[in-house]
């Protein structure tokens, strides 16, 4: 799966949600660069949202103990 940038530049965002009770980390993004980097690194989205049939955002879920490895890959650097 390859994401195209469907969302306008001023609305692009990435959120990291940590559920301390469940020991889960959810990463939501609608920035195609982040999404494509996550997929290229071998991560599979838990959920993909579409607009007019075009994939526009996704949520990735990780166990908390794997989260530092995800961040260290440079997924979220600004371009």
C-alpha atoms as a PDB file:
ATOM      1  CA  UNK A   1       0.000   0.000   0.000  1.00  0.00           C
ATOM      2  CA  UNK A   2       1.332   3.432  -0.940  1.00  0.00           C
ATOM      3  CA  UNK A   3      -0.338   6.523   0.512  1.00  0.00           C
ATOM      4  CA  UNK A   4      -0.802   9.692  -1.540  1.00  0.00           C
ATOM      5  CA  UNK A   5      -1.147  13.041   0.225  1.00  0.00           C
ATOM      6  CA  UNK A   6      -4.923  13.511   0.242  1.00  0.00           C
ATOM      7  CA  UNK A   7      -5.182  15.885   3.223  1.00  0.00           C
ATOM      8  CA  UNK A   8      -4.304  19.576   2.711  1.00  0.00           C
ATOM      9  CA  UNK A   9      -0.835  20.605   3.980  1.00  0.00           C
ATOM     10  CA  UNK A  10      -2.238  22.854   6.713  1.00  0.00           C
ATOM     11  CA  UNK A  11      -4.290  19.945   8.107  1.00  0.00           C
ATOM     12  CA  UNK A  12      -1.580  17.259   8.179  1.00  0.00           C
ATOM     13  CA  UNK A  13      -1.032  15.855  11.657  1.00  0.00           C
ATOM     14  CA  UNK A  14       0.370  12.920  13.564  1.00  0.00           C
ATOM     15  CA  UNK A  15      -0.798  11.947  17.058  1.00  0.00           C
ATOM     16  CA  UNK A  16       0.803   9.552  19.506  1.00  0.00           C
ATOM     17  CA  UNK A  17      -1.555   8.172  22.162  1.00  0.00           C
ATOM     18  CA  UNK A  18      -0.213   6.140  25.066  1.00  0.00           C
ATOM     19  CA  UNK A  19      -2.639   3.902  26.952  1.00  0.00           C
ATOM     20  CA  UNK A  20      -0.784   3.231  30.183  1.00  0.00           C
ATOM     21  CA  UNK A  21      -3.432   0.818  31.471  1.00  0.00           C
ATOM     22  CA  UNK A  22      -3.308  -1.427  28.367  1.00  0.00           C
ATOM     23  CA  UNK A  23       0.418  -0.801  27.712  1.00  0.00           C
ATOM     24  CA  UNK A  24      -0.397   0.161  24.117  1.00  0.00           C
ATOM     25  CA  UNK A  25       0.755   3.004  21.898  1.00  0.00           C
ATOM     26  CA  UNK A  26      -1.408   4.183  19.002  1.00  0.00           C
ATOM     27  CA  UNK A  27       0.008   6.365  16.264  1.00  0.00           C
ATOM     28  CA  UNK A  28      -2.466   8.190  14.039  1.00  0.00           C
ATOM     29  CA  UNK A  29      -1.281  10.126  11.004  1.00  0.00           C
ATOM     30  CA  UNK A  30      -2.733  11.717   7.889  1.00  0.00           C
ATOM     31  CA  UNK A  31       0.710  12.725   6.559  1.00  0.00           C
ATOM     32  CA  UNK A  32       1.609  10.460   3.640  1.00  0.00           C
ATOM     33  CA  UNK A  33       5.355  10.664   4.331  1.00  0.00           C
ATOM     34  CA  UNK A  34       4.912   9.288   7.856  1.00  0.00           C
ATOM     35  CA  UNK A  35       2.449   6.623   6.676  1.00  0.00           C
ATOM     36  CA  UNK A  36       4.728   5.448   3.876  1.00  0.00           C
ATOM     37  CA  UNK A  37       7.752   5.340   6.213  1.00  0.00           C
ATOM     38  CA  UNK A  38       5.811   3.242   8.714  1.00  0.00           C
ATOM     39  CA  UNK A  39       4.760   0.789   6.008  1.00  0.00           C
ATOM     40  CA  UNK A  40       8.258   0.687   4.462  1.00  0.00           C
ATOM     41  CA  UNK A  41       9.608  -0.226   7.900  1.00  0.00           C
ATOM     42  CA  UNK A  42       7.259  -3.219   7.959  1.00  0.00           C
ATOM     43  CA  UNK A  43       4.527  -1.899  10.257  1.00  0.00           C
ATOM     44  CA  UNK A  44       0.940  -2.725   9.337  1.00  0.00           C
ATOM     45  CA  UNK A  45      -1.899  -0.282  10.028  1.00  0.00           C
ATOM     46  CA  UNK A  46      -4.598  -1.343  12.459  1.00  0.00           C
ATOM     47  CA  UNK A  47      -7.132   0.871  10.693  1.00  0.00           C
ATOM     48  CA  UNK A  48      -7.099   2.856   7.419  1.00  0.00           C
ATOM     49  CA  UNK A  49      -9.525   5.720   6.743  1.00  0.00           C
ATOM     50  CA  UNK A  50     -10.533   6.811   3.250  1.00  0.00           C
ATOM     51  CA  UNK A  51     -11.926   9.900   1.539  1.00  0.00           C
ATOM     52  CA  UNK A  52     -13.709   9.267  -1.758  1.00  0.00           C
ATOM     53  CA  UNK A  53     -12.149   5.804  -1.888  1.00  0.00           C
ATOM     54  CA  UNK A  54      -8.590   7.144  -1.420  1.00  0.00           C
ATOM     55  CA  UNK A  55      -6.626   6.063   1.682  1.00  0.00           C
ATOM     56  CA  UNK A  56      -5.931   9.252   3.650  1.00  0.00           C
ATOM     57  CA  UNK A  57      -4.970   8.265   7.211  1.00  0.00           C
ATOM     58  CA  UNK A  58      -4.119   5.276   9.341  1.00  0.00           C
ATOM     59  CA  UNK A  59      -3.687   4.110  12.906  1.00  0.00           C
ATOM     60  CA  UNK A  60      -0.814   1.862  13.954  1.00  0.00           C
ATOM     61  CA  UNK A  61      -0.830   0.057  17.305  1.00  0.00           C
ATOM     62  CA  UNK A  62       2.210  -1.177  19.237  1.00  0.00           C
ATOM     63  CA  UNK A  63       2.966  -2.759  22.559  1.00  0.00           C
ATOM     64  CA  UNK A  64       4.538  -0.107  24.759  1.00  0.00           C
ATOM     65  CA  UNK A  65       7.839  -2.016  25.056  1.00  0.00           C
ATOM     66  CA  UNK A  66       8.315  -1.828  21.256  1.00  0.00           C
ATOM     67  CA  UNK A  67       7.562   1.884  21.007  1.00  0.00           C
ATOM     68  CA  UNK A  68      11.091   3.336  21.504  1.00  0.00           C
ATOM     69  CA  UNK A  69      12.313   1.279  18.554  1.00  0.00           C
ATOM     70  CA  UNK A  70       9.610   2.786  16.324  1.00  0.00           C
ATOM     71  CA  UNK A  71      10.543   6.357  17.263  1.00  0.00           C
ATOM     72  CA  UNK A  72      14.264   5.802  16.751  1.00  0.00           C
ATOM     73  CA  UNK A  73      13.725   5.000  13.082  1.00  0.00           C
ATOM     74  CA  UNK A  74      13.162   8.682  12.263  1.00  0.00           C
ATOM     75  CA  UNK A  75       9.546   8.208  11.188  1.00  0.00           C
ATOM     76  CA  UNK A  76       8.433  11.582  12.483  1.00  0.00           C
ATOM     77  CA  UNK A  77      11.185  13.938  11.356  1.00  0.00           C
ATOM     78  CA  UNK A  78      10.084  17.127   9.623  1.00  0.00           C
ATOM     79  CA  UNK A  79      10.743  17.351   5.910  1.00  0.00           C
END
